[in-house]
Amino acid sequence: MAYNRQPMESEEKDDAVIQVRQNDNGEIEVLPMGHLARENMEDLQARLDEALSRARGVIVLNFENLRSLNSTAIGKILKFKTTCDQKRIRLIVRHCNPDMLQLLKMIKFDSLVQMEN
């Protein structure tokens, strides 16, 4: 299962770029851009581990620039949620576009992971 948004003309179909940063209110934010698929799960895991090592209370997955997400990525995020729970770190997904949000709600992802816009 994958959600795909049609790329704009200026966008390339490439692997995801994943950044980690601390936002103004102290949350650690993970920003995947592009496509999250099996090919870039090692990079995603490395960025999630980095976020976890820096987090003091909240990790945000910001999906604002995410174009697609497959079932492997969803599974990786759900496993990461379990790790966050064990370490008493809150995981939040923010800024899903409407189509991706609809897909995630269909598979009940929103009942497992807190989602905000």
C-alpha atoms as a PDB file:
ATOM      1  CA  MET A   1       0.000   0.000   0.000  1.00  0.00           C
ATOM      2  CA  ALA A   2       1.374   3.416  -0.885  1.00  0.00           C
ATOM      3  CA  TYR A   3       0.110   6.933  -1.119  1.00  0.00           C
ATOM      4  CA  ASN A   4       1.451   8.919  -4.069  1.00  0.00           C
ATOM      5  CA  ARG A   5       0.934  12.585  -4.849  1.00  0.00           C
ATOM      6  CA  GLN A   6       1.645  13.589  -8.425  1.00  0.00           C
ATOM      7  CA  PRO A   7       5.003  15.374  -8.459  1.00  0.00           C
ATOM      8  CA  MET A   8       5.078  18.973  -9.623  1.00  0.00           C
ATOM      9  CA  GLU A   9       7.035  19.697 -12.764  1.00  0.00           C
ATOM     10  CA  SER A  10      10.001  21.037 -10.794  1.00  0.00           C
ATOM     11  CA  GLU A  11      10.182  17.973  -8.535  1.00  0.00           C
ATOM     12  CA  GLU A  12      12.355  14.998  -9.332  1.00  0.00           C
ATOM     13  CA  LYS A  13      11.412  11.421  -8.602  1.00  0.00           C
ATOM     14  CA  ASP A  14      14.262  10.609  -6.241  1.00  0.00           C
ATOM     15  CA  ASP A  15      14.822   9.022  -2.878  1.00  0.00           C
ATOM     16  CA  ALA A  16      13.749  10.750   0.273  1.00  0.00           C
ATOM     17  CA  VAL A  17      15.863  13.346   1.991  1.00  0.00           C
ATOM     18  CA  ILE A  18      15.343  13.280   5.740  1.00  0.00           C
ATOM     19  CA  GLN A  19      16.354  16.119   8.027  1.00  0.00           C
ATOM     20  CA  VAL A  20      16.296  16.362  11.819  1.00  0.00           C
ATOM     21  CA  ARG A  21      16.060  19.699  13.612  1.00  0.00           C
ATOM     22  CA  GLN A  22      14.940  21.187  16.892  1.00  0.00           C
ATOM     23  CA  ASN A  23      12.049  23.616  16.526  1.00  0.00           C
ATOM     24  CA  ASP A  24      11.433  26.774  18.583  1.00  0.00           C
ATOM     25  CA  ASN A  25       9.463  25.034  21.335  1.00  0.00           C
ATOM     26  CA  GLY A  26      12.108  22.358  21.917  1.00  0.00           C
ATOM     27  CA  GLU A  27      10.476  19.550  19.957  1.00  0.00           C
ATOM     28  CA  ILE A  28      12.719  17.406  17.782  1.00  0.00           C
ATOM     29  CA  GLU A  29      11.325  17.418  14.272  1.00  0.00           C
ATOM     30  CA  VAL A  30      11.992  14.778  11.609  1.00  0.00           C
ATOM     31  CA  LEU A  31      11.254  16.088   8.108  1.00  0.00           C
ATOM     32  CA  PRO A  32      11.130  13.451   5.385  1.00  0.00           C
ATOM     33  CA  MET A  33      10.980  14.912   1.878  1.00  0.00           C
ATOM     34  CA  GLY A  34      10.201  13.000  -1.264  1.00  0.00           C
ATOM     35  CA  HIS A  35       9.390   9.306  -1.193  1.00  0.00           C
ATOM     36  CA  LEU A  36       9.673   7.002   1.822  1.00  0.00           C
ATOM     37  CA  ALA A  37      10.059   3.436   0.609  1.00  0.00           C
ATOM     38  CA  ARG A  38      12.030   0.281   1.316  1.00  0.00           C
ATOM     39  CA  GLU A  39      15.119   1.725  -0.414  1.00  0.00           C
ATOM     40  CA  ASN A  40      15.621   4.462   2.183  1.00  0.00           C
ATOM     41  CA  MET A  41      14.626   2.704   5.408  1.00  0.00           C
ATOM     42  CA  GLU A  42      18.224   2.692   6.683  1.00  0.00           C
ATOM     43  CA  ASP A  43      18.361   6.472   6.368  1.00  0.00           C
ATOM     44  CA  LEU A  44      14.938   6.827   8.000  1.00  0.00           C
ATOM     45  CA  GLN A  45      16.032   4.599  10.886  1.00  0.00           C
ATOM     46  CA  ALA A  46      19.234   6.609  11.334  1.00  0.00           C
ATOM     47  CA  ARG A  47      17.262   9.881  11.473  1.00  0.00           C
ATOM     48  CA  LEU A  48      14.704   8.421  13.906  1.00  0.00           C
ATOM     49  CA  ASP A  49      17.553   7.183  16.132  1.00  0.00           C
ATOM     50  CA  GLU A  50      19.135  10.644  15.988  1.00  0.00           C
ATOM     51  CA  ALA A  51      15.824  12.258  16.938  1.00  0.00           C
ATOM     52  CA  LEU A  52      15.386   9.824  19.821  1.00  0.00           C
ATOM     53  CA  SER A  53      18.862  10.564  21.157  1.00  0.00           C
ATOM     54  CA  ARG A  54      18.136  14.314  21.129  1.00  0.00           C
ATOM     55  CA  ALA A  55      14.509  14.263  22.323  1.00  0.00           C
ATOM     56  CA  ARG A  56      13.499  15.387  25.788  1.00  0.00           C
ATOM     57  CA  GLY A  57       9.741  15.011  25.455  1.00  0.00           C
ATOM     58  CA  VAL A  58       8.303  15.231  21.931  1.00  0.00           C
ATOM     59  CA  ILE A  59       9.319  14.027  18.475  1.00  0.00           C
ATOM     60  CA  VAL A  60       7.368  15.374  15.517  1.00  0.00           C
ATOM     61  CA  LEU A  61       7.254  13.672  12.129  1.00  0.00           C
ATOM     62  CA  ASN A  62       6.538  16.565   9.778  1.00  0.00           C
ATOM     63  CA  PHE A  63       5.007  15.216   6.560  1.00  0.00           C
ATOM     64  CA  GLU A  64       4.637  18.618   4.895  1.00  0.00           C
ATOM     65  CA  ASN A  65       7.085  17.750   2.089  1.00  0.00           C
ATOM     66  CA  LEU A  66       6.470  14.006   1.943  1.00  0.00           C
ATOM     67  CA  ARG A  67       5.227  12.900  -1.474  1.00  0.00           C
ATOM     68  CA  SER A  68       4.729   9.200  -0.850  1.00  0.00           C
ATOM     69  CA  LEU A  69       4.829   6.659   1.929  1.00  0.00           C
ATOM     70  CA  ASN A  70       4.689   2.888   1.538  1.00  0.00           C
ATOM     71  CA  SER A  71       3.742   0.117   3.942  1.00  0.00           C
ATOM     72  CA  THR A  72       7.391  -0.497   4.904  1.00  0.00           C
ATOM     73  CA  ALA A  73       7.677   3.119   6.073  1.00  0.00           C
ATOM     74  CA  ILE A  74       4.381   2.893   7.952  1.00  0.00           C
ATOM     75  CA  GLY A  75       5.619  -0.223   9.742  1.00  0.00           C
ATOM     76  CA  LYS A  76       8.911   1.487  10.609  1.00  0.00           C
ATOM     77  CA  ILE A  77       7.022   4.458  12.091  1.00  0.00           C
ATOM     78  CA  LEU A  78       4.738   2.190  14.141  1.00  0.00           C
ATOM     79  CA  LYS A  79       7.751   0.309  15.521  1.00  0.00           C
ATOM     80  CA  PHE A  80       9.365   3.664  16.339  1.00  0.00           C
ATOM     81  CA  LYS A  81       6.174   4.666  18.177  1.00  0.00           C
ATOM     82  CA  THR A  82       6.611   1.641  20.453  1.00  0.00           C
ATOM     83  CA  THR A  83      10.203   2.679  21.175  1.00  0.00           C
ATOM     84  CA  CYS A  84       9.060   6.237  21.932  1.00  0.00           C
ATOM     85  CA  ASP A  85       6.387   4.933  24.301  1.00  0.00           C
ATOM     86  CA  GLN A  86       8.966   2.854  26.162  1.00  0.00           C
ATOM     87  CA  LYS A  87      11.168   5.934  26.604  1.00  0.00           C
ATOM     88  CA  ARG A  88       8.191   8.160  27.506  1.00  0.00           C
ATOM     89  CA  ILE A  89       8.677  10.310  24.407  1.00  0.00           C
ATOM     90  CA  ARG A  90       5.523  11.548  22.697  1.00  0.00           C
ATOM     91  CA  LEU A  91       5.394  10.976  18.913  1.00  0.00           C
ATOM     92  CA  ILE A  92       3.255  13.296  16.793  1.00  0.00           C
ATOM     93  CA  VAL A  93       2.680  13.289  13.021  1.00  0.00           C
ATOM     94  CA  ARG A  94       1.982  16.756  11.610  1.00  0.00           C
ATOM     95  CA  HIS A  95       1.108  18.381   8.311  1.00  0.00           C
ATOM     96  CA  CYS A  96      -0.222  15.435   6.315  1.00  0.00           C
ATOM     97  CA  ASN A  97      -1.834  16.478   3.087  1.00  0.00           C
ATOM     98  CA  PRO A  98      -5.533  15.522   2.862  1.00  0.00           C
ATOM     99  CA  ASP A  99      -5.046  12.461   0.637  1.00  0.00           C
ATOM    100  CA  MET A 100      -2.315  10.977   2.818  1.00  0.00           C
ATOM    101  CA  LEU A 101      -4.344  11.748   5.937  1.00  0.00           C
ATOM    102  CA  GLN A 102      -7.339   9.919   4.462  1.00  0.00           C
ATOM    103  CA  LEU A 103      -5.175   6.858   3.709  1.00  0.00           C
ATOM    104  CA  LEU A 104      -3.686   6.835   7.210  1.00  0.00           C
ATOM    105  CA  LYS A 105      -7.150   7.093   8.750  1.00  0.00           C
ATOM    106  CA  MET A 106      -8.399   4.212   6.580  1.00  0.00           C
ATOM    107  CA  ILE A 107      -5.746   1.926   8.052  1.00  0.00           C
ATOM    108  CA  LYS A 108      -6.425   3.293  11.576  1.00  0.00           C
ATOM    109  CA  PHE A 109      -2.907   4.735  11.853  1.00  0.00           C
ATOM    110  CA  ASP A 110      -4.428   7.745  13.611  1.00  0.00           C
ATOM    111  CA  SER A 111      -5.671   5.508  16.438  1.00  0.00           C
ATOM    112  CA  LEU A 112      -2.053   4.479  17.155  1.00  0.00           C
ATOM    113  CA  VAL A 113      -0.114   7.687  16.518  1.00  0.00           C
ATOM    114  CA  GLN A 114      -1.199  11.205  17.464  1.00  0.00           C
ATOM    115  CA  MET A 115      -1.877  13.305  14.355  1.00  0.00           C
ATOM    116  CA  GLU A 116      -2.104  17.089  14.108  1.00  0.00           C
ATOM    117  CA  ASN A 117      -2.364  19.606  11.300  1.00  0.00           C
END
